[in-house]
Amino acid sequence: MKKCIAVSLLYLVLCGCEANSTLRQAESAKSEKPVVTGIIYSTDNPCAVVDNRIVSVGDVADGATIVKINPSSVEFEMDGKKWTQIVYP
């Protein structure tokens, strides 16, 4: 987890996620689903940036459980419904 946090902090600094937090919060509120803004993928401990939070499999974001983190997508489940958000480079 420490490795994921360190890499995630670097990601936040490099991509300027803090500067865009207001826009992403507005997008999240409008869509009412979590918004994936980045993935830090490793086979043993994949993490994702969802609604400006660093999450792992099993965490909950906006009421949706993170089911799986893939190299370019995140799978969610909420209220018995499943969906996948793809992250484009």
Protein backbone atom coordinates (compact mmCIF):
# COMPACT_ATOMS: atom_id res chain seq x y z
CA MET A 1 0.00 0.00 0.00
CA LYS A 2 2.87 2.41 0.75
CA LYS A 3 4.19 1.94 -2.80
CA CYS A 4 0.75 2.68 -4.23
CA ILE A 5 0.39 5.84 -2.13
CA ALA A 6 3.83 7.13 -3.13
CA VAL A 7 3.16 6.52 -6.81
CA SER A 8 -0.32 8.01 -6.47
CA LEU A 9 1.01 11.17 -4.85
CA LEU A 10 3.48 11.56 -7.68
CA TYR A 11 0.62 11.08 -10.13
CA LEU A 12 -1.45 13.79 -8.42
CA VAL A 13 1.43 16.24 -8.53
CA LEU A 14 2.33 15.53 -12.15
CA CYS A 15 -1.17 15.65 -13.60
CA GLY A 16 -2.39 18.59 -11.53
CA CYS A 17 -5.43 16.78 -10.20
CA GLU A 18 -5.76 19.24 -7.31
CA ALA A 19 -6.11 22.13 -9.74
CA ASN A 20 -8.95 20.34 -11.51
CA SER A 21 -10.71 19.07 -8.38
CA THR A 22 -13.63 21.50 -8.68
CA LEU A 23 -14.30 20.44 -12.27
CA ARG A 24 -14.06 16.74 -11.41
CA GLN A 25 -16.34 17.16 -8.37
CA ALA A 26 -18.90 18.85 -10.61
CA GLU A 27 -18.60 16.02 -13.15
CA SER A 28 -19.05 13.46 -10.38
CA ALA A 29 -22.12 15.19 -8.98
CA LYS A 30 -23.63 15.48 -12.45
CA SER A 31 -23.07 11.82 -13.34
CA GLU A 32 -23.91 10.50 -9.85
CA LYS A 33 -21.32 7.79 -10.48
CA PRO A 34 -17.70 7.78 -9.38
CA VAL A 35 -15.29 9.39 -11.85
CA VAL A 36 -12.02 7.56 -12.58
CA THR A 37 -9.19 9.96 -13.38
CA GLY A 38 -6.22 7.61 -13.25
CA ILE A 39 -4.94 4.10 -12.67
CA ILE A 40 -1.71 3.02 -11.01
CA TYR A 41 -1.57 -0.61 -12.10
CA SER A 42 0.49 -3.45 -10.72
CA THR A 43 -0.44 -7.10 -10.59
CA ASP A 44 -0.07 -7.33 -6.80
CA ASN A 45 -1.60 -4.01 -5.71
CA PRO A 46 -3.51 -2.03 -8.36
CA CYS A 47 -4.86 1.37 -7.30
CA ALA A 48 -7.02 3.98 -8.99
CA VAL A 49 -7.77 7.65 -8.53
CA VAL A 50 -11.54 7.89 -8.17
CA ASP A 51 -13.18 11.21 -7.30
CA ASN A 52 -9.74 12.53 -6.29
CA ARG A 53 -9.24 9.66 -3.81
CA ILE A 54 -6.77 6.81 -4.04
CA VAL A 55 -8.72 3.55 -3.89
CA SER A 56 -8.06 -0.18 -4.06
CA VAL A 57 -10.26 -3.20 -4.75
CA GLY A 58 -12.97 -3.44 -2.09
CA ASP A 59 -13.05 0.30 -1.33
CA VAL A 60 -16.26 2.28 -1.76
CA ALA A 61 -16.55 5.54 -3.73
CA ASP A 62 -19.86 7.42 -3.91
CA GLY A 63 -21.66 4.28 -2.74
CA ALA A 64 -20.11 2.06 -5.43
CA THR A 65 -17.73 -0.76 -4.57
CA ILE A 66 -14.54 -1.09 -6.58
CA VAL A 67 -14.70 -4.70 -7.82
CA LYS A 68 -11.61 -4.84 -10.05
CA ILE A 69 -8.86 -2.52 -11.28
CA ASN A 70 -7.49 -3.34 -14.72
CA PRO A 71 -4.62 -1.64 -16.59
CA SER A 72 -7.04 0.70 -18.41
CA SER A 73 -10.40 0.37 -16.62
CA VAL A 74 -12.11 0.09 -13.25
CA GLU A 75 -15.08 -2.18 -12.55
CA PHE A 76 -17.76 -1.01 -10.09
CA GLU A 77 -20.87 -2.46 -8.43
CA MET A 78 -23.69 -0.58 -6.73
CA ASP A 79 -27.19 -1.73 -5.85
CA GLY A 80 -26.68 -4.99 -7.75
CA LYS A 81 -25.65 -3.18 -10.96
CA LYS A 82 -22.15 -3.52 -12.43
CA TRP A 83 -20.37 -1.25 -14.88
CA THR A 84 -16.88 -0.52 -16.15
CA GLN A 85 -15.23 2.87 -16.66
CA ILE A 86 -12.43 2.98 -19.20
CA VAL A 87 -9.54 5.40 -18.70
CA TYR A 88 -8.07 6.76 -21.91
CA PRO A 89 -4.43 7.95 -22.00
